[in-house]
């Protein structure tokens, strides 16, 4: 019998909306990076924009993980320890 992998789907709609907004912002910033490259803009400008993209994506990921951990702890489900361990593993992959 195969074991089911621990997982969690974020339920907090406010957090989902905030994360989605950040990801869409990062998507727009990444498009700007492509345009800047095509336009021959300076490396300094491009790197600054790329840094903004990176920060937006990382913040979205950290928000997703922390919100999911909070829900798992508050829900007190029977698999919450496994889910928490999985989320911590994902968190460490970003560090």
N, C-alpha and C. Protein backbone atom coordinates (compact mmCIF):
# COMPACT_ATOMS: atom_id res chain seq x y z
N UNK A 1 0.84 -1.18 0.00
CA UNK A 1 0.00 0.00 0.00
C UNK A 1 0.89 1.25 0.00
N UNK A 2 0.65 2.16 -0.93
CA UNK A 2 1.45 3.39 -1.06
C UNK A 2 1.03 4.38 0.01
N UNK A 3 2.02 5.09 0.55
CA UNK A 3 1.70 6.12 1.53
C UNK A 3 1.40 7.43 0.82
N UNK A 4 0.44 8.13 1.36
CA UNK A 4 0.04 9.41 0.77
C UNK A 4 1.01 10.49 1.24
N UNK A 5 1.51 11.29 0.30
CA UNK A 5 2.43 12.37 0.63
C UNK A 5 1.67 13.50 1.32
N UNK A 6 2.25 14.02 2.37
CA UNK A 6 1.63 15.12 3.11
C UNK A 6 1.56 16.35 2.21
N UNK A 7 0.41 17.00 2.22
CA UNK A 7 0.27 18.23 1.44
C UNK A 7 -0.78 19.11 2.10
N UNK A 8 -0.79 20.34 1.68
CA UNK A 8 -1.75 21.30 2.23
C UNK A 8 -2.14 22.26 1.13
N UNK A 9 -3.42 22.60 1.09
CA UNK A 9 -3.92 23.61 0.16
C UNK A 9 -4.35 24.80 1.00
N UNK A 10 -3.78 25.96 0.72
CA UNK A 10 -4.08 27.15 1.48
C UNK A 10 -5.56 27.51 1.34
N UNK A 11 -6.21 27.77 2.47
CA UNK A 11 -7.64 28.08 2.47
C UNK A 11 -7.93 29.56 2.71
N UNK A 12 -6.99 30.31 3.27
CA UNK A 12 -7.19 31.72 3.61
C UNK A 12 -7.24 32.56 2.34
N UNK A 13 -8.44 32.96 1.95
CA UNK A 13 -8.61 33.68 0.69
C UNK A 13 -7.88 35.02 0.68
N UNK A 14 -7.81 35.69 1.81
CA UNK A 14 -7.07 36.96 1.86
C UNK A 14 -5.59 36.73 1.54
N UNK A 15 -5.02 35.67 2.09
CA UNK A 15 -3.62 35.35 1.81
C UNK A 15 -3.44 34.93 0.35
N UNK A 16 -4.37 34.14 -0.16
CA UNK A 16 -4.31 33.73 -1.56
C UNK A 16 -4.32 34.96 -2.46
N UNK A 17 -5.21 35.91 -2.16
CA UNK A 17 -5.28 37.14 -2.96
C UNK A 17 -3.99 37.94 -2.88
N UNK A 18 -3.42 38.05 -1.67
CA UNK A 18 -2.17 38.80 -1.50
C UNK A 18 -1.02 38.13 -2.25
N UNK A 19 -0.95 36.82 -2.18
CA UNK A 19 0.12 36.07 -2.87
C UNK A 19 -0.05 36.21 -4.38
N UNK A 20 -1.27 36.08 -4.85
CA UNK A 20 -1.55 36.19 -6.28
C UNK A 20 -1.16 37.58 -6.79
N UNK A 21 -1.49 38.61 -6.02
CA UNK A 21 -1.13 39.98 -6.39
C UNK A 21 0.38 40.14 -6.51
N UNK A 22 1.12 39.56 -5.55
CA UNK A 22 2.58 39.65 -5.58
C UNK A 22 3.16 38.90 -6.78
N UNK A 23 2.61 37.74 -7.08
CA UNK A 23 3.10 36.95 -8.22
C UNK A 23 2.83 37.69 -9.53
N UNK A 24 1.66 38.30 -9.64
CA UNK A 24 1.35 39.06 -10.85
C UNK A 24 2.27 40.28 -10.99
N UNK A 25 2.59 40.91 -9.86
CA UNK A 25 3.53 42.03 -9.88
C UNK A 25 4.90 41.55 -10.37
N UNK A 26 5.34 40.41 -9.85
CA UNK A 26 6.63 39.84 -10.28
C UNK A 26 6.61 39.50 -11.76
N UNK A 27 5.47 39.01 -12.23
CA UNK A 27 5.34 38.68 -13.65
C UNK A 27 5.51 39.94 -14.50
N UNK A 28 4.91 41.03 -14.09
CA UNK A 28 5.07 42.30 -14.81
C UNK A 28 6.50 42.80 -14.76
N UNK A 29 7.13 42.65 -13.60
CA UNK A 29 8.53 43.08 -13.46
C UNK A 29 9.44 42.24 -14.35
N UNK A 30 9.15 40.96 -14.46
CA UNK A 30 9.97 40.09 -15.31
C UNK A 30 9.81 40.47 -16.78
N UNK A 31 8.60 40.84 -17.17
CA UNK A 31 8.38 41.33 -18.53
C UNK A 31 9.19 42.59 -18.79
N UNK A 32 9.27 43.44 -17.77
CA UNK A 32 10.07 44.67 -17.89
C UNK A 32 11.55 44.34 -18.07
N UNK A 33 12.02 43.30 -17.40
CA UNK A 33 13.42 42.88 -17.56
C UNK A 33 13.67 42.47 -19.01
N UNK A 34 12.78 41.70 -19.59
CA UNK A 34 12.93 41.26 -20.98
C UNK A 34 12.97 42.48 -21.92
N UNK A 35 12.07 43.43 -21.69
CA UNK A 35 12.04 44.64 -22.52
C UNK A 35 13.33 45.44 -22.37
N UNK A 36 13.81 45.55 -21.14
CA UNK A 36 15.04 46.29 -20.88
C UNK A 36 16.22 45.65 -21.61
N UNK A 37 16.27 44.34 -21.60
CA UNK A 37 17.34 43.63 -22.32
C UNK A 37 17.25 43.91 -23.82
N UNK A 38 16.04 43.83 -24.36
CA UNK A 38 15.83 44.08 -25.79
C UNK A 38 16.17 45.52 -26.17
N UNK A 39 15.94 46.44 -25.27
CA UNK A 39 16.20 47.87 -25.52
C UNK A 39 17.66 48.24 -25.29
N UNK A 40 18.45 47.32 -24.77
CA UNK A 40 19.86 47.60 -24.53
C UNK A 40 20.10 48.50 -23.33
N UNK A 41 19.25 48.39 -22.32
CA UNK A 41 19.40 49.21 -21.11
C UNK A 41 20.64 48.78 -20.32
N UNK A 42 21.06 49.61 -19.40
CA UNK A 42 22.28 49.35 -18.64
C UNK A 42 22.12 48.14 -17.73
N UNK A 43 23.24 47.48 -17.49
CA UNK A 43 23.26 46.31 -16.60
C UNK A 43 22.76 46.68 -15.21
N UNK A 44 23.14 47.87 -14.72
CA UNK A 44 22.71 48.30 -13.39
C UNK A 44 21.19 48.34 -13.29
N UNK A 45 20.55 48.94 -14.28
CA UNK A 45 19.09 49.04 -14.28
C UNK A 45 18.44 47.66 -14.32
N UNK A 46 18.99 46.80 -15.15
CA UNK A 46 18.42 45.46 -15.32
C UNK A 46 18.57 44.65 -14.03
N UNK A 47 19.74 44.72 -13.42
CA UNK A 47 19.97 43.97 -12.19
C UNK A 47 19.06 44.46 -11.07
N UNK A 48 18.84 45.76 -10.98
CA UNK A 48 17.92 46.30 -9.98
C UNK A 48 16.52 45.74 -10.19
N UNK A 49 16.09 45.71 -11.44
CA UNK A 49 14.76 45.17 -11.74
C UNK A 49 14.69 43.68 -11.45
N UNK A 50 15.76 42.95 -11.77
CA UNK A 50 15.79 41.51 -11.49
C UNK A 50 15.75 41.26 -9.98
N UNK A 51 16.39 42.11 -9.22
CA UNK A 51 16.36 42.00 -7.77
C UNK A 51 14.93 42.18 -7.25
N UNK A 52 14.21 43.11 -7.84
CA UNK A 52 12.81 43.34 -7.44
C UNK A 52 11.96 42.11 -7.75
N UNK A 53 12.20 41.48 -8.90
CA UNK A 53 11.48 40.26 -9.26
C UNK A 53 11.75 39.17 -8.23
N UNK A 54 13.02 38.99 -7.91
CA UNK A 54 13.42 37.96 -6.96
C UNK A 54 12.78 38.19 -5.60
N UNK A 55 12.80 39.42 -5.14
CA UNK A 55 12.20 39.73 -3.83
C UNK A 55 10.70 39.46 -3.83
N UNK A 56 10.02 39.85 -4.90
CA UNK A 56 8.57 39.64 -4.98
C UNK A 56 8.23 38.15 -4.98
N UNK A 57 8.98 37.35 -5.71
CA UNK A 57 8.72 35.90 -5.77
C UNK A 57 9.02 35.27 -4.40
N UNK A 58 10.15 35.63 -3.80
CA UNK A 58 10.49 35.07 -2.50
C UNK A 58 9.48 35.45 -1.43
N UNK A 59 9.03 36.69 -1.44
CA UNK A 59 8.04 37.12 -0.46
C UNK A 59 6.73 36.35 -0.64
N UNK A 60 6.33 36.13 -1.88
CA UNK A 60 5.12 35.35 -2.15
C UNK A 60 5.29 33.92 -1.62
N UNK A 61 6.44 33.33 -1.86
CA UNK A 61 6.69 31.96 -1.40
C UNK A 61 6.70 31.88 0.13
N UNK A 62 7.38 32.81 0.78
CA UNK A 62 7.43 32.81 2.24
C UNK A 62 6.03 33.03 2.83
N UNK A 63 5.25 33.89 2.22
CA UNK A 63 3.89 34.13 2.69
C UNK A 63 3.04 32.87 2.55
N UNK A 64 3.18 32.19 1.44
CA UNK A 64 2.44 30.94 1.21
C UNK A 64 2.83 29.89 2.26
N UNK A 65 4.11 29.74 2.50
CA UNK A 65 4.57 28.75 3.47
C UNK A 65 4.12 29.10 4.88
N UNK A 66 4.31 30.35 5.28
CA UNK A 66 3.94 30.72 6.66
C UNK A 66 2.43 30.62 6.87
N UNK A 67 1.65 31.00 5.87
CA UNK A 67 0.20 30.90 6.00
C UNK A 67 -0.24 29.44 6.08
N UNK A 68 0.40 28.60 5.29
CA UNK A 68 0.08 27.17 5.30
C UNK A 68 0.46 26.54 6.63
N UNK A 69 1.62 26.90 7.15
CA UNK A 69 2.04 26.37 8.46
C UNK A 69 1.04 26.78 9.55
N UNK A 70 0.62 28.02 9.51
CA UNK A 70 -0.35 28.52 10.50
C UNK A 70 -1.65 27.71 10.43
N UNK A 71 -2.15 27.50 9.21
CA UNK A 71 -3.38 26.72 9.06
C UNK A 71 -3.21 25.30 9.56
N UNK A 72 -2.08 24.68 9.26
CA UNK A 72 -1.84 23.30 9.70
C UNK A 72 -1.81 23.20 11.21
N UNK A 73 -1.16 24.15 11.84
CA UNK A 73 -1.06 24.13 13.30
C UNK A 73 -2.42 24.39 13.93
N UNK A 74 -3.17 25.32 13.37
CA UNK A 74 -4.47 25.67 13.93
C UNK A 74 -5.51 24.59 13.67
N UNK A 75 -5.41 23.90 12.53
CA UNK A 75 -6.39 22.86 12.18
C UNK A 75 -6.22 21.61 13.03
N UNK A 76 -4.99 21.37 13.52
CA UNK A 76 -4.70 20.21 14.35
C UNK A 76 -5.18 18.91 13.70
N UNK A 77 -4.88 18.76 12.43
CA UNK A 77 -5.25 17.54 11.71
C UNK A 77 -4.30 16.42 12.10
N UNK A 78 -4.71 15.20 11.86
CA UNK A 78 -3.89 14.05 12.24
C UNK A 78 -2.57 14.02 11.48
N UNK A 79 -2.52 14.59 10.29
CA UNK A 79 -1.27 14.60 9.52
C UNK A 79 -0.55 15.94 9.59
N UNK A 80 -0.92 16.79 10.55
CA UNK A 80 -0.35 18.14 10.60
C UNK A 80 1.16 18.11 10.79
N UNK A 81 1.69 17.15 11.54
CA UNK A 81 3.14 17.07 11.72
C UNK A 81 3.83 16.77 10.39
N UNK A 82 3.27 15.87 9.62
CA UNK A 82 3.86 15.53 8.32
C UNK A 82 3.78 16.71 7.37
N UNK A 83 2.64 17.40 7.38
CA UNK A 83 2.48 18.57 6.51
C UNK A 83 3.44 19.66 6.93
N UNK A 84 3.56 19.89 8.24
CA UNK A 84 4.47 20.91 8.74
C UNK A 84 5.91 20.58 8.33
N UNK A 85 6.29 19.33 8.45
CA UNK A 85 7.64 18.91 8.05
C UNK A 85 7.86 19.16 6.56
N UNK A 86 6.86 18.86 5.75
CA UNK A 86 6.97 19.09 4.30
C UNK A 86 7.10 20.58 4.00
N UNK A 87 6.31 21.42 4.67
CA UNK A 87 6.38 22.86 4.45
C UNK A 87 7.72 23.43 4.93
N UNK A 88 8.23 22.91 6.02
CA UNK A 88 9.55 23.34 6.50
C UNK A 88 10.62 22.99 5.49
N UNK A 89 10.52 21.83 4.88
CA UNK A 89 11.46 21.41 3.85
C UNK A 89 11.43 22.38 2.67
N UNK A 90 10.22 22.75 2.28
CA UNK A 90 10.07 23.72 1.18
C UNK A 90 10.65 25.06 1.58
N UNK A 91 10.38 25.50 2.81
CA UNK A 91 10.90 26.76 3.30
C UNK A 91 12.42 26.77 3.23
N UNK A 92 13.04 25.70 3.69
CA UNK A 92 14.50 25.62 3.68
C UNK A 92 15.06 25.63 2.25
N UNK A 93 14.29 25.15 1.30
CA UNK A 93 14.78 25.19 -0.10
C UNK A 93 14.88 26.62 -0.62
N UNK A 94 14.14 27.54 -0.01
CA UNK A 94 14.18 28.95 -0.40
C UNK A 94 15.28 29.72 0.31
N UNK A 95 15.73 29.19 1.45
CA UNK A 95 16.72 29.91 2.26
C UNK A 95 18.09 29.87 1.63
